[in-house]
Every structure is written in C-alpha cells, then in structure tokens.
Amino acid sequence: MAIDFAKADARIPFVTFLLPPSRRHLRGFQRLGARFVAEVEHEGAGFLKYRLDTA
C-alpha cells in the first residue's frame, strides 16, 4: 500500500529499504524492481540498502 502511494505521488522519486544482512530471500524486492545500492551502517548496525524507483 505504501509503495502504491509513493508511485502515485510525483514528489516521491524513489523508496529506500534497509534490510538486515541476515535476510536471504530478496527475490520479492527484485520482482518489484528494487536494486541493490550498497551495504550501509546505521547506528552501528550493518544493512543492505535497496532502492525502488517510483517514477
């Protein structure tokens, strides 16, 4: 529902997901069109950053 909202609003060019590195099943994000950006750190914890363009 949130992704549909972002796609309908031209002011939101993309949605970012931060996922724990222990997450192994990422095909759902890839089917949506999300692409891997980088491994990032937030408050001392590591995450996998994915971006989904909504435009």
C-alpha atoms as a PDB file:
ATOM      1  CA  MET A   1       0.000   0.000   0.000  1.00  0.00           C
ATOM      2  CA  ALA A   2       2.860   2.396   0.827  1.00  0.00           C
ATOM      3  CA  ILE A   3       4.613   1.613  -2.458  1.00  0.00           C
ATOM      4  CA  ASP A   4       1.413   2.284  -4.406  1.00  0.00           C
ATOM      5  CA  PHE A   5       1.116   5.628  -2.597  1.00  0.00           C
ATOM      6  CA  ALA A   6       4.724   6.512  -3.473  1.00  0.00           C
ATOM      7  CA  LYS A   7       4.188   5.589  -7.130  1.00  0.00           C
ATOM      8  CA  ALA A   8       1.085   7.797  -7.296  1.00  0.00           C
ATOM      9  CA  ASP A   9       2.857  10.840  -5.812  1.00  0.00           C
ATOM     10  CA  ALA A  10       5.249  12.561  -8.236  1.00  0.00           C
ATOM     11  CA  ARG A  11       7.097  14.161  -5.295  1.00  0.00           C
ATOM     12  CA  ILE A  12       8.441  10.735  -4.243  1.00  0.00           C
ATOM     13  CA  PRO A  13      11.044   9.671  -6.835  1.00  0.00           C
ATOM     14  CA  PHE A  14      12.138   6.505  -5.006  1.00  0.00           C
ATOM     15  CA  VAL A  15      11.709   4.350  -1.895  1.00  0.00           C
ATOM     16  CA  THR A  16      14.689   3.050   0.083  1.00  0.00           C
ATOM     17  CA  PHE A  17      14.730  -0.223   2.020  1.00  0.00           C
ATOM     18  CA  LEU A  18      17.313  -1.092   4.668  1.00  0.00           C
ATOM     19  CA  LEU A  19      17.371  -4.817   5.264  1.00  0.00           C
ATOM     20  CA  PRO A  20      19.437  -6.840   7.719  1.00  0.00           C
ATOM     21  CA  PRO A  21      22.308  -8.724   6.071  1.00  0.00           C
ATOM     22  CA  SER A  22      20.925 -11.956   7.517  1.00  0.00           C
ATOM     23  CA  ARG A  23      17.956 -11.680   5.158  1.00  0.00           C
ATOM     24  CA  ARG A  24      18.489 -14.234   2.416  1.00  0.00           C
ATOM     25  CA  HIS A  25      15.254 -14.168   0.412  1.00  0.00           C
ATOM     26  CA  LEU A  26      15.338 -10.974  -1.651  1.00  0.00           C
ATOM     27  CA  ARG A  27      13.541 -12.070  -4.813  1.00  0.00           C
ATOM     28  CA  GLY A  28      10.371 -10.240  -3.808  1.00  0.00           C
ATOM     29  CA  PHE A  29      12.226  -6.929  -3.828  1.00  0.00           C
ATOM     30  CA  GLN A  30      13.878  -7.756  -7.130  1.00  0.00           C
ATOM     31  CA  ARG A  31      10.494  -8.644  -8.682  1.00  0.00           C
ATOM     32  CA  LEU A  32       9.220  -5.220  -7.623  1.00  0.00           C
ATOM     33  CA  GLY A  33      12.176  -3.643  -9.436  1.00  0.00           C
ATOM     34  CA  ALA A  34      14.283  -2.776  -6.380  1.00  0.00           C
ATOM     35  CA  ARG A  35      18.019  -2.828  -6.954  1.00  0.00           C
ATOM     36  CA  PHE A  36      20.890  -3.245  -4.538  1.00  0.00           C
ATOM     37  CA  VAL A  37      22.705   0.042  -3.821  1.00  0.00           C
ATOM     38  CA  ALA A  38      25.276  -0.676  -1.106  1.00  0.00           C
ATOM     39  CA  GLU A  39      25.995  -2.057   2.304  1.00  0.00           C
ATOM     40  CA  VAL A  40      25.499   0.763   4.821  1.00  0.00           C
ATOM     41  CA  GLU A  41      25.845   1.280   8.548  1.00  0.00           C
ATOM     42  CA  HIS A  42      23.190   2.916  10.721  1.00  0.00           C
ATOM     43  CA  GLU A  43      23.705   3.382  14.456  1.00  0.00           C
ATOM     44  CA  GLY A  44      26.431   0.760  14.473  1.00  0.00           C
ATOM     45  CA  ALA A  45      24.442  -1.918  12.660  1.00  0.00           C
ATOM     46  CA  GLY A  46      25.029  -3.065   9.080  1.00  0.00           C
ATOM     47  CA  PHE A  47      22.244  -3.126   6.494  1.00  0.00           C
ATOM     48  CA  LEU A  48      21.715  -3.903   2.831  1.00  0.00           C
ATOM     49  CA  LYS A  49      20.351  -0.838   1.059  1.00  0.00           C
ATOM     50  CA  TYR A  50      17.907  -1.331  -1.812  1.00  0.00           C
ATOM     51  CA  ARG A  51      16.247   1.363  -3.920  1.00  0.00           C
ATOM     52  CA  LEU A  52      12.959   1.177  -5.790  1.00  0.00           C
ATOM     53  CA  ASP A  53      12.363   3.911  -8.357  1.00  0.00           C
ATOM     54  CA  THR A  54       8.739   5.031  -8.341  1.00  0.00           C
ATOM     55  CA  ALA A  55       8.743   7.312 -11.379  1.00  0.00           C
END
